[in-house]
Amino acid sequence: AMGWFRQAPGKEREFVAHISRNGGTYYADSVKGRFTISRDNAKNT
C-alpha cells in the first residue's frame, strides 16, 4: 500500500493520501476534492 505525506518548514509531517493494494483511496480533508492518488502497477509507480 502506498501513501503520500508532506512536511512544511517548521511543521510536522502530515498525511495527504493513501492507496491500498487493491486501489482503494483515502484523503486528508484538506486535499479532498483537489488531489487524486493513483497507481500504475505495471510501471511500479
ModelCIF file with pLDDT and N, C-alpha, C, O atoms, coordinates in Angstrom:
data_MODEL
#
_entry.id   MODEL 
#
_entity.id                         1 
_entity.type                       polymer 
_entity.pdbx_number_of_molecules   1 
#
_entity_poly.entity_id                      1 
_entity_poly.type                           'polypeptide(L)' 
_entity_poly.nstd_linkage                   no 
_entity_poly.nstd_monomer                   no 
_entity_poly.pdbx_seq_one_letter_code       AMGWFRQAPGKEREFVAHISRNGGTYYADSVKGRFTISRDNAKNT 
_entity_poly.pdbx_seq_one_letter_code_can   AMGWFRQAPGKEREFVAHISRNGGTYYADSVKGRFTISRDNAKNT 
_entity_poly.pdbx_strand_id                 A 
#
loop_
_entity_poly_seq.entity_id 
_entity_poly_seq.num 
_entity_poly_seq.mon_id 
_entity_poly_seq.hetero 
1 1  ALA n 
1 2  MET n 
1 3  GLY n 
1 4  TRP n 
1 5  PHE n 
1 6  ARG n 
1 7  GLN n 
1 8  ALA n 
1 9  PRO n 
1 10 GLY n 
1 11 LYS n 
1 12 GLU n 
1 13 ARG n 
1 14 GLU n 
1 15 PHE n 
1 16 VAL n 
1 17 ALA n 
1 18 HIS n 
1 19 ILE n 
1 20 SER n 
1 21 ARG n 
1 22 ASN n 
1 23 GLY n 
1 24 GLY n 
1 25 THR n 
1 26 TYR n 
1 27 TYR n 
1 28 ALA n 
1 29 ASP n 
1 30 SER n 
1 31 VAL n 
1 32 LYS n 
1 33 GLY n 
1 34 ARG n 
1 35 PHE n 
1 36 THR n 
1 37 ILE n 
1 38 SER n 
1 39 ARG n 
1 40 ASP n 
1 41 ASN n 
1 42 ALA n 
1 43 LYS n 
1 44 ASN n 
1 45 THR n 
#
_struct_asym.id          A 
_struct_asym.entity_id   1 
#
loop_
_ma_qa_metric.id 
_ma_qa_metric.mode 
_ma_qa_metric.name 
_ma_qa_metric.software_group_id 
_ma_qa_metric.type 
1 global pLDDT . pLDDT 
2 local  pLDDT . pLDDT 
#
_ma_qa_metric_global.metric_id      1 
_ma_qa_metric_global.metric_value   96.40 
_ma_qa_metric_global.model_id       1 
_ma_qa_metric_global.ordinal_id     1 
#
loop_
_ma_qa_metric_local.label_asym_id 
_ma_qa_metric_local.label_comp_id 
_ma_qa_metric_local.label_seq_id 
_ma_qa_metric_local.metric_id 
_ma_qa_metric_local.metric_value 
_ma_qa_metric_local.model_id 
_ma_qa_metric_local.ordinal_id 
A ALA 1  2 96.00 1 1  
A MET 2  2 97.00 1 2  
A GLY 3  2 98.00 1 3  
A TRP 4  2 98.00 1 4  
A PHE 5  2 98.00 1 5  
A ARG 6  2 98.00 1 6  
A GLN 7  2 98.00 1 7  
A ALA 8  2 97.00 1 8  
A PRO 9  2 92.00 1 9  
A GLY 10 2 94.00 1 10 
A LYS 11 2 96.00 1 11 
A GLU 12 2 96.00 1 12 
A ARG 13 2 97.00 1 13 
A GLU 14 2 98.00 1 14 
A PHE 15 2 98.00 1 15 
A VAL 16 2 98.00 1 16 
A ALA 17 2 98.00 1 17 
A HIS 18 2 98.00 1 18 
A ILE 19 2 97.00 1 19 
A SER 20 2 96.00 1 20 
A ARG 21 2 92.00 1 21 
A ASN 22 2 90.00 1 22 
A GLY 23 2 93.00 1 23 
A GLY 24 2 96.00 1 24 
A THR 25 2 98.00 1 25 
A TYR 26 2 97.00 1 26 
A TYR 27 2 98.00 1 27 
A ALA 28 2 98.00 1 28 
A ASP 29 2 98.00 1 29 
A SER 30 2 97.00 1 30 
A VAL 31 2 98.00 1 31 
A LYS 32 2 98.00 1 32 
A GLY 33 2 98.00 1 33 
A ARG 34 2 98.00 1 34 
A PHE 35 2 98.00 1 35 
A THR 36 2 98.00 1 36 
A ILE 37 2 98.00 1 37 
A SER 38 2 98.00 1 38 
A ARG 39 2 96.00 1 39 
A ASP 40 2 95.00 1 40 
A ASN 41 2 92.00 1 41 
A ALA 42 2 92.00 1 42 
A LYS 43 2 94.00 1 43 
A ASN 44 2 94.00 1 44 
A THR 45 2 96.00 1 45 
#
loop_
_atom_site.group_PDB 
_atom_site.id 
_atom_site.type_symbol 
_atom_site.label_atom_id 
_atom_site.label_alt_id 
_atom_site.label_comp_id 
_atom_site.label_asym_id 
_atom_site.label_entity_id 
_atom_site.label_seq_id 
_atom_site.pdbx_PDB_ins_code 
_atom_site.Cartn_x 
_atom_site.Cartn_y 
_atom_site.Cartn_z 
_atom_site.occupancy 
_atom_site.B_iso_or_equiv 
_atom_site.pdbx_formal_charge 
_atom_site.auth_seq_id 
_atom_site.auth_comp_id 
_atom_site.auth_asym_id 
_atom_site.auth_atom_id 
_atom_site.pdbx_PDB_model_num 
ATOM 1   N N  . ALA A 1 1  ? 0.853   -1.172 0.000   1.00 96.00 ? 1  ALA A N  1 
ATOM 2   C CA . ALA A 1 1  ? 0.000   0.000  0.000   1.00 96.00 ? 1  ALA A CA 1 
ATOM 3   C C  . ALA A 1 1  ? 0.894   1.229  0.000   1.00 96.00 ? 1  ALA A C  1 
ATOM 4   O O  . ALA A 1 1  ? 1.995   1.199  0.550   1.00 96.00 ? 1  ALA A O  1 
ATOM 5   N N  . MET A 1 2  ? 0.431   2.301  -0.609  1.00 97.00 ? 2  MET A N  1 
ATOM 6   C CA . MET A 1 2  ? 1.258   3.483  -0.790  1.00 97.00 ? 2  MET A CA 1 
ATOM 7   C C  . MET A 1 2  ? 0.580   4.710  -0.203  1.00 97.00 ? 2  MET A C  1 
ATOM 8   O O  . MET A 1 2  ? -0.646  4.816  -0.181  1.00 97.00 ? 2  MET A O  1 
ATOM 9   N N  . GLY A 1 3  ? 1.398   5.621  0.266   1.00 98.00 ? 3  GLY A N  1 
ATOM 10  C CA . GLY A 1 3  ? 0.876   6.860  0.811   1.00 98.00 ? 3  GLY A CA 1 
ATOM 11  C C  . GLY A 1 3  ? 1.695   8.053  0.381   1.00 98.00 ? 3  GLY A C  1 
ATOM 12  O O  . GLY A 1 3  ? 2.867   7.930  0.024   1.00 98.00 ? 3  GLY A O  1 
ATOM 13  N N  . TRP A 1 4  ? 1.062   9.212  0.419   1.00 98.00 ? 4  TRP A N  1 
ATOM 14  C CA . TRP A 1 4  ? 1.743   10.489 0.241   1.00 98.00 ? 4  TRP A CA 1 
ATOM 15  C C  . TRP A 1 4  ? 1.610   11.292 1.525   1.00 98.00 ? 4  TRP A C  1 
ATOM 16  O O  . TRP A 1 4  ? 0.529   11.385 2.107   1.00 98.00 ? 4  TRP A O  1 
ATOM 17  N N  . PHE A 1 5  ? 2.716   11.866 1.956   1.00 98.00 ? 5  PHE A N  1 
ATOM 18  C CA . PHE A 1 5  ? 2.769   12.746 3.105   1.00 98.00 ? 5  PHE A CA 1 
ATOM 19  C C  . PHE A 1 5  ? 3.473   14.032 2.701   1.00 98.00 ? 5  PHE A C  1 
ATOM 20  O O  . PHE A 1 5  ? 4.140   14.083 1.667   1.00 98.00 ? 5  PHE A O  1 
ATOM 21  N N  . ARG A 1 6  ? 3.325   15.061 3.508   1.00 98.00 ? 6  ARG A N  1 
ATOM 22  C CA . ARG A 1 6  ? 4.022   16.306 3.228   1.00 98.00 ? 6  ARG A CA 1 
ATOM 23  C C  . ARG A 1 6  ? 4.476   16.955 4.523   1.00 98.00 ? 6  ARG A C  1 
ATOM 24  O O  . ARG A 1 6  ? 3.908   16.718 5.590   1.00 98.00 ? 6  ARG A O  1 
ATOM 25  N N  . GLN A 1 7  ? 5.507   17.775 4.411   1.00 98.00 ? 7  GLN A N  1 
ATOM 26  C CA . GLN A 1 7  ? 6.036   18.467 5.567   1.00 98.00 ? 7  GLN A CA 1 
ATOM 27  C C  . GLN A 1 7  ? 6.488   19.860 5.157   1.00 98.00 ? 7  GLN A C  1 
ATOM 28  O O  . GLN A 1 7  ? 7.364   20.018 4.307   1.00 98.00 ? 7  GLN A O  1 
ATOM 29  N N  . ALA A 1 8  ? 5.886   20.858 5.766   1.00 97.00 ? 8  ALA A N  1 
ATOM 30  C CA . ALA A 1 8  ? 6.275   22.238 5.549   1.00 97.00 ? 8  ALA A CA 1 
ATOM 31  C C  . ALA A 1 8  ? 7.352   22.616 6.556   1.00 97.00 ? 8  ALA A C  1 
ATOM 32  O O  . ALA A 1 8  ? 7.452   21.997 7.615   1.00 97.00 ? 8  ALA A O  1 
ATOM 33  N N  . PRO A 1 9  ? 8.160   23.629 6.238   1.00 92.00 ? 9  PRO A N  1 
ATOM 34  C CA . PRO A 1 9  ? 9.206   24.052 7.174   1.00 92.00 ? 9  PRO A CA 1 
ATOM 35  C C  . PRO A 1 9  ? 8.635   24.407 8.541   1.00 92.00 ? 9  PRO A C  1 
ATOM 36  O O  . PRO A 1 9  ? 7.674   25.170 8.646   1.00 92.00 ? 9  PRO A O  1 
ATOM 37  N N  . GLY A 1 10 ? 9.229   23.852 9.571   1.00 94.00 ? 10 GLY A N  1 
ATOM 38  C CA . GLY A 1 10 ? 8.786   24.125 10.924  1.00 94.00 ? 10 GLY A CA 1 
ATOM 39  C C  . GLY A 1 10 ? 7.518   23.415 11.334  1.00 94.00 ? 10 GLY A C  1 
ATOM 40  O O  . GLY A 1 10 ? 7.025   23.621 12.443  1.00 94.00 ? 10 GLY A O  1 
ATOM 41  N N  . LYS A 1 11 ? 6.977   22.579 10.459  1.00 96.00 ? 11 LYS A N  1 
ATOM 42  C CA . LYS A 1 11 ? 5.738   21.864 10.746  1.00 96.00 ? 11 LYS A CA 1 
ATOM 43  C C  . LYS A 1 11 ? 5.995   20.364 10.817  1.00 96.00 ? 11 LYS A C  1 
ATOM 44  O O  . LYS A 1 11 ? 7.004   19.868 10.316  1.00 96.00 ? 11 LYS A O  1 
ATOM 45  N N  . GLU A 1 12 ? 5.078   19.662 11.438  1.00 96.00 ? 12 GLU A N  1 
ATOM 46  C CA . GLU A 1 12 ? 5.164   18.217 11.480  1.00 96.00 ? 12 GLU A CA 1 
ATOM 47  C C  . GLU A 1 12 ? 4.703   17.614 10.162  1.00 96.00 ? 12 GLU A C  1 
ATOM 48  O O  . GLU A 1 12 ? 3.917   18.214 9.430   1.00 96.00 ? 12 GLU A O  1 
ATOM 49  N N  . ARG A 1 13 ? 5.197   16.436 9.876   1.00 97.00 ? 13 ARG A N  1 
ATOM 50  C CA . ARG A 1 13 ? 4.755   15.695 8.711   1.00 97.00 ? 13 ARG A CA 1 
ATOM 51  C C  . ARG A 1 13 ? 3.264   15.400 8.829   1.00 97.00 ? 13 ARG A C  1 
ATOM 52  O O  . ARG A 1 13 ? 2.782   15.045 9.905   1.00 97.00 ? 13 ARG A O  1 
ATOM 53  N N  . GLU A 1 14 ? 2.541   15.546 7.738   1.00 98.00 ? 14 GLU A N  1 
ATOM 54  C CA . GLU A 1 14 ? 1.117   15.278 7.759   1.00 98.00 ? 14 GLU A CA 1 
ATOM 55  C C  . GLU A 1 14 ? 0.709   14.374 6.604   1.00 98.00 ? 14 GLU A C  1 
ATOM 56  O O  . GLU A 1 14 ? 1.317   14.379 5.533   1.00 98.00 ? 14 GLU A O  1 
ATOM 57  N N  . PHE A 1 15 ? -0.326  13.611 6.853   1.00 98.00 ? 15 PHE A N  1 
ATOM 58  C CA . PHE A 1 15 ? -0.872  12.701 5.863   1.00 98.00 ? 15 PHE A CA 1 
ATOM 59  C C  . PHE A 1 15 ? -1.571  13.467 4.757   1.00 98.00 ? 15 PHE A C  1 
ATOM 60  O O  . PHE A 1 15 ? -2.238  14.471 5.008   1.00 98.00 ? 15 PHE A O  1 
ATOM 61  N N  . VAL A 1 16 ? -1.415  12.985 3.524   1.00 98.00 ? 16 VAL A N  1 
ATOM 62  C CA . VAL A 1 16 ? -2.069  13.592 2.375   1.00 98.00 ? 16 VAL A CA 1 
ATOM 63  C C  . VAL A 1 16 ? -3.035  12.613 1.706   1.00 98.00 ? 16 VAL A C  1 
ATOM 64  O O  . VAL A 1 16 ? -4.217  12.917 1.546   1.00 98.00 ? 16 VAL A O  1 
ATOM 65  N N  . ALA A 1 17 ? -2.533  11.441 1.317   1.00 98.00 ? 17 ALA A N  1 
ATOM 66  C CA . ALA A 1 17 ? -3.360  10.485 0.588   1.00 98.00 ? 17 ALA A CA 1 
ATOM 67  C C  . ALA A 1 17 ? -2.790  9.088  0.718   1.00 98.00 ? 17 ALA A C  1 
ATOM 68  O O  . ALA A 1 17 ? -1.603  8.908  0.989   1.00 98.00 ? 17 ALA A O  1 
ATOM 69  N N  . HIS A 1 18 ? -3.654  8.097  0.522   1.00 98.00 ? 18 HIS A N  1 
ATOM 70  C CA . HIS A 1 18 ? -3.276  6.692  0.629   1.00 98.00 ? 18 HIS A CA 1 
ATOM 71  C C  . HIS A 1 18 ? -4.001  5.904  -0.447  1.00 98.00 ? 18 HIS A C  1 
ATOM 72  O O  . HIS A 1 18 ? -5.152  6.197  -0.771  1.00 98.00 ? 18 HIS A O  1 
ATOM 73  N N  . ILE A 1 19 ? -3.325  4.902  -1.001  1.00 97.00 ? 19 ILE A N  1 
ATOM 74  C CA . ILE A 1 19 ? -3.962  3.981  -1.932  1.00 97.00 ? 19 ILE A CA 1 
ATOM 75  C C  . ILE A 1 19 ? -3.584  2.566  -1.529  1.00 97.00 ? 19 ILE A C  1 
ATOM 76  O O  . ILE A 1 19 ? -2.409  2.259  -1.328  1.00 97.00 ? 19 ILE A O  1 
ATOM 77  N N  . SER A 1 20 ? -4.584  1.713  -1.415  1.00 96.00 ? 20 SER A N  1 
ATOM 78  C CA . SER A 1 20 ? -4.369  0.352  -0.964  1.00 96.00 ? 20 SER A CA 1 
ATOM 79  C C  . SER A 1 20 ? -3.846  -0.522 -2.087  1.00 96.00 ? 20 SER A C  1 
ATOM 80  O O  . SER A 1 20 ? -3.752  -0.089 -3.236  1.00 96.00 ? 20 SER A O  1 
ATOM 81  N N  . ARG A 1 21 ? -3.508  -1.752 -1.744  1.00 92.00 ? 21 ARG A N  1 
ATOM 82  C CA . ARG A 1 21 ? -3.066  -2.713 -2.752  1.00 92.00 ? 21 ARG A CA 1 
ATOM 83  C C  . ARG A 1 21 ? -4.118  -2.933 -3.829  1.00 92.00 ? 21 ARG A C  1 
ATOM 84  O O  . ARG A 1 21 ? -3.791  -3.212 -4.982  1.00 92.00 ? 21 ARG A O  1 
ATOM 85  N N  . ASN A 1 22 ? -5.376  -2.806 -3.444  1.00 90.00 ? 22 ASN A N  1 
ATOM 86  C CA . ASN A 1 22 ? -6.470  -3.043 -4.369  1.00 90.00 ? 22 ASN A CA 1 
ATOM 87  C C  . ASN A 1 22 ? -7.027  -1.773 -4.994  1.00 90.00 ? 22 ASN A C  1 
ATOM 88  O O  . ASN A 1 22 ? -8.016  -1.823 -5.726  1.00 90.00 ? 22 ASN A O  1 
ATOM 89  N N  . GLY A 1 23 ? -6.400  -0.639 -4.712  1.00 93.00 ? 23 GLY A N  1 
ATOM 90  C CA . GLY A 1 23 ? -6.791  0.596  -5.349  1.00 93.00 ? 23 GLY A CA 1 
ATOM 91  C C  . GLY A 1 23 ? -7.740  1.483  -4.569  1.00 93.00 ? 23 GLY A C  1 
ATOM 92  O O  . GLY A 1 23 ? -8.152  2.530  -5.070  1.00 93.00 ? 23 GLY A O  1 
ATOM 93  N N  . GLY A 1 24 ? -8.096  1.092  -3.362  1.00 96.00 ? 24 GLY A N  1 
ATOM 94  C CA . GLY A 1 24 ? -8.921  1.953  -2.541  1.00 96.00 ? 24 GLY A CA 1 
ATOM 95  C C  . GLY A 1 24 ? -8.150  3.196  -2.127  1.00 96.00 ? 24 GLY A C  1 
ATOM 96  O O  . GLY A 1 24 ? -6.958  3.113  -1.829  1.00 96.00 ? 24 GLY A O  1 
ATOM 97  N N  . THR A 1 25 ? -8.811  4.338  -2.105  1.00 98.00 ? 25 THR A N  1 
ATOM 98  C CA . THR A 1 25 ? -8.123  5.600  -1.833  1.00 98.00 ? 25 THR A CA 1 
ATOM 99  C C  . THR A 1 25 ? -8.717  6.309  -0.629  1.00 98.00 ? 25 THR A C  1 
ATOM 100 O O  . THR A 1 25 ? -9.899  6.165  -0.316  1.00 98.00 ? 25 THR A O  1 
ATOM 101 N N  . TYR A 1 26 ? -7.863  7.081  0.040   1.00 97.00 ? 26 TYR A N  1 
ATOM 102 C CA . TYR A 1 26 ? -8.235  7.835  1.221   1.00 97.00 ? 26 TYR A CA 1 
ATOM 103 C C  . TYR A 1 26 ? -7.457  9.145  1.197   1.00 97.00 ? 26 TYR A C  1 
ATOM 104 O O  . TYR A 1 26 ? -6.302  9.189  0.773   1.00 97.00 ? 26 TYR A O  1 
ATOM 105 N N  . TYR A 1 27 ? -8.110  10.213 1.660   1.00 98.00 ? 27 TYR A N  1 
ATOM 106 C CA . TYR A 1 27 ? -7.518  11.537 1.570   1.00 98.00 ? 27 TYR A CA 1 
ATOM 107 C C  . TYR A 1 27 ? -7.676  12.313 2.859   1.00 98.00 ? 27 TYR A C  1 
ATOM 108 O O  . TYR A 1 27 ? -8.640  12.132 3.602   1.00 98.00 ? 27 TYR A O  1 
ATOM 109 N N  . ALA A 1 28 ? -6.716  13.176 3.107   1.00 98.00 ? 28 ALA A N  1 
ATOM 110 C CA . ALA A 1 28 ? -6.876  14.152 4.161   1.00 98.00 ? 28 ALA A CA 1 
ATOM 111 C C  . ALA A 1 28 ? -7.973  15.136 3.763   1.00 98.00 ? 28 ALA A C  1 
ATOM 112 O O  . ALA A 1 28 ? -8.140  15.445 2.583   1.00 98.00 ? 28 ALA A O  1 
ATOM 113 N N  . ASP A 1 29 ? -8.716  15.624 4.748   1.00 98.00 ? 29 ASP A N  1 
ATOM 114 C CA . ASP A 1 29 ? -9.796  16.561 4.458   1.00 98.00 ? 29 ASP A CA 1 
ATOM 115 C C  . ASP A 1 29 ? -9.291  17.809 3.734   1.00 98.00 ? 29 ASP A C  1 
ATOM 116 O O  . ASP A 1 29 ? -10.014 18.392 2.925   1.00 98.00 ? 29 ASP A O  1 
ATOM 117 N N  . SER A 1 30 ? -8.070  18.213 4.017   1.00 97.00 ? 30 SER A N  1 
ATOM 118 C CA . SER A 1 30 ? -7.537  19.434 3.447   1.00 97.00 ? 30 SER A CA 1 
ATOM 119 C C  . SER A 1 30 ? -7.294  19.349 1.943   1.00 97.00 ? 30 SER A C  1 
ATOM 120 O O  . SER A 1 30 ? -7.190  20.378 1.275   1.00 97.00 ? 30 SER A O  1 
ATOM 121 N N  . VAL A 1 31 ? -7.201  18.138 1.405   1.00 98.00 ? 31 VAL A N  1 
ATOM 122 C CA . VAL A 1 31 ? -6.925  17.981 -0.022  1.00 98.00 ? 31 VAL A CA 1 
ATOM 123 C C  . VAL A 1 31 ? -8.043  17.264 -0.761  1.00 98.00 ? 31 VAL A C  1 
ATOM 124 O O  . VAL A 1 31 ? -8.000  17.163 -1.987  1.00 98.00 ? 31 VAL A O  1 
ATOM 125 N N  . LYS A 1 32 ? -9.026  16.773 -0.057  1.00 98.00 ? 32 LYS A N  1 
ATOM 126 C CA . LYS A 1 32 ? -10.113 16.026 -0.673  1.00 98.00 ? 32 LYS A CA 1 
ATOM 127 C C  . LYS A 1 32 ? -10.825 16.889 -1.712  1.00 98.00 ? 32 LYS A C  1 
ATOM 128 O O  . LYS A 1 32 ? -11.177 18.039 -1.450  1.00 98.00 ? 32 LYS A O  1 
ATOM 129 N N  . GLY A 1 33 ? -11.028 16.315 -2.888  1.00 98.00 ? 33 GLY A N  1 
ATOM 130 C CA . GLY A 1 33 ? -11.655 17.039 -3.974  1.00 98.00 ? 33 GLY A CA 1 
ATOM 131 C C  . GLY A 1 33 ? -10.678 17.769 -4.865  1.00 98.00 ? 33 GLY A C  1 
ATOM 132 O O  . GLY A 1 33 ? -11.041 18.186 -5.964  1.00 98.00 ? 33 GLY A O  1 
ATOM 133 N N  . ARG A 1 34 ? -9.440  17.934 -4.415  1.00 98.00 ? 34 ARG A N  1 
ATOM 134 C CA . ARG A 1 34 ? -8.423  18.612 -5.209  1.00 98.00 ? 34 ARG A CA 1 
ATOM 135 C C  . ARG A 1 34 ? -7.307  17.681 -5.655  1.00 98.00 ? 34 ARG A C  1 
ATOM 136 O O  . ARG A 1 34 ? -6.768  17.836 -6.751  1.00 98.00 ? 34 ARG A O  1 
ATOM 137 N N  . PHE A 1 35 ? -6.959  16.717 -4.816  1.00 98.00 ? 35 PHE A N  1 
ATOM 138 C CA . PHE A 1 35 ? -5.862  15.790 -5.096  1.00 98.00 ? 35 PHE A CA 1 
ATOM 139 C C  . PHE A 1 35 ? -6.417  14.411 -5.411  1.00 98.00 ? 35 PHE A C  1 
ATOM 140 O O  . PHE A 1 35 ? -7.458  14.016 -4.886  1.00 98.00 ? 35 PHE A O  1 
ATOM 141 N N  . THR A 1 36 ? -5.718  13.683 -6.268  1.00 98.00 ? 36 THR A N  1 
ATOM 142 C CA . THR A 1 36 ? -6.079  12.320 -6.606  1.00 98.00 ? 36 THR A CA 1 
ATOM 143 C C  . THR A 1 36 ? -4.841  11.438 -6.582  1.00 98.00 ? 36 THR A C  1 
ATOM 144 O O  . THR A 1 36 ? -3.857  11.719 -7.266  1.00 98.00 ? 36 THR A O  1 
ATOM 145 N N  . ILE A 1 37 ? -4.892  10.376 -5.795  1.00 98.00 ? 37 ILE A N  1 
ATOM 146 C CA . ILE A 1 37 ? -3.804  9.412  -5.763  1.00 98.00 ? 37 ILE A CA 1 
ATOM 147 C C  . ILE A 1 37 ? -4.172  8.239  -6.672  1.00 98.00 ? 37 ILE A C  1 
ATOM 148 O O  . ILE A 1 37 ? -5.327  7.814  -6.714  1.00 98.00 ? 37 ILE A O  1 
ATOM 149 N N  . SER A 1 38 ? -3.189  7.728  -7.391  1.00 98.00 ? 38 SER A N  1 
ATOM 150 C CA . SER A 1 38 ? -3.414  6.585  -8.259  1.00 98.00 ? 38 SER A CA 1 
ATOM 151 C C  . SER A 1 38 ? -2.135  5.768  -8.336  1.00 98.00 ? 38 SER A C  1 
ATOM 152 O O  . SER A 1 38 ? -1.066  6.223  -7.929  1.00 98.00 ? 38 SER A O  1 
ATOM 153 N N  . ARG A 1 39 ? -2.257  4.561  -8.859  1.00 96.00 ? 39 ARG A N  1 
ATOM 154 C CA . ARG A 1 39 ? -1.074  3.721  -9.014  1.00 96.00 ? 39 ARG A CA 1 
ATOM 155 C C  . ARG A 1 39 ? -1.134  2.992  -10.333 1.00 96.00 ? 39 ARG A C  1 
ATOM 156 O O  . ARG A 1 39 ? -2.209  2.623  -10.807 1.00 96.00 ? 39 ARG A O  1 
ATOM 157 N N  . ASP A 1 40 ? 0.031   2.788  -10.924 1.00 95.00 ? 40 ASP A N  1 
ATOM 158 C CA . ASP A 1 40 ? 0.182   2.026  -12.144 1.00 95.00 ? 40 ASP A CA 1 
ATOM 159 C C  . ASP A 1 40 ? 1.131   0.886  -11.811 1.00 95.00 ? 40 ASP A C  1 
ATOM 160 O O  . ASP A 1 40 ? 2.349   1.062  -11.813 1.00 95.00 ? 40 ASP A O  1 
ATOM 161 N N  . ASN A 1 41 ? 0.573   -0.273 -11.528 1.00 92.00 ? 41 ASN A N  1 
ATOM 162 C CA . ASN A 1 41 ? 1.395   -1.389 -11.075 1.00 92.00 ? 41 ASN A CA 1 
ATOM 163 C C  . ASN A 1 41 ? 2.363   -1.874 -12.150 1.00 92.00 ? 41 ASN A C  1 
ATOM 164 O O  . ASN A 1 41 ? 3.444   -2.371 -11.835 1.00 92.00 ? 41 ASN A O  1 
ATOM 165 N N  . ALA A 1 42 ? 1.982   -1.732 -13.408 1.00 92.00 ? 42 ALA A N  1 
ATOM 166 C CA . ALA A 1 42 ? 2.868   -2.143 -14.491 1.00 92.00 ? 42 ALA A CA 1 
ATOM 167 C C  . ALA A 1 42 ? 4.117   -1.282 -14.546 1.00 92.00 ? 42 ALA A C  1 
ATOM 168 O O  . ALA A 1 42 ? 5.160   -1.727 -15.025 1.00 92.00 ? 42 ALA A O  1 
ATOM 169 N N  . LYS A 1 43 ? 4.019   -0.048 -14.057 1.00 94.00 ? 43 LYS A N  1 
ATOM 170 C CA . LYS A 1 43 ? 5.150   0.871  -14.053 1.00 94.00 ? 43 LYS A CA 1 
ATOM 171 C C  . LYS A 1 43 ? 5.789   1.021  -12.679 1.00 94.00 ? 43 LYS A C  1 
ATOM 172 O O  . LYS A 1 43 ? 6.729   1.799  -12.519 1.00 94.00 ? 43 LYS A O  1 
ATOM 173 N N  . ASN A 1 44 ? 5.299   0.296  -11.698 1.00 94.00 ? 44 ASN A N  1 
ATOM 174 C CA . ASN A 1 44 ? 5.803   0.409  -10.330 1.00 94.00 ? 44 ASN A CA 1 
ATOM 175 C C  . ASN A 1 44 ? 5.807   1.863  -9.861  1.00 94.00 ? 44 ASN A C  1 
ATOM 176 O O  . ASN A 1 44 ? 6.781   2.331  -9.272  1.00 94.00 ? 44 ASN A O  1 
ATOM 177 N N  . THR A 1 45 ? 4.729   2.557  -10.122 1.00 96.00 ? 45 THR A N  1 
ATOM 178 C CA . THR A 1 45 ? 4.676   3.987  -9.863  1.00 96.00 ? 45 THR A CA 1 
ATOM 179 C C  . THR A 1 45 ? 3.352   4.376  -9.221  1.00 96.00 ? 45 THR A C  1 
ATOM 180 O O  . THR A 1 45 ? 3.128   5.551  -8.930  1.00 96.00 ? 45 THR A O  1 
#
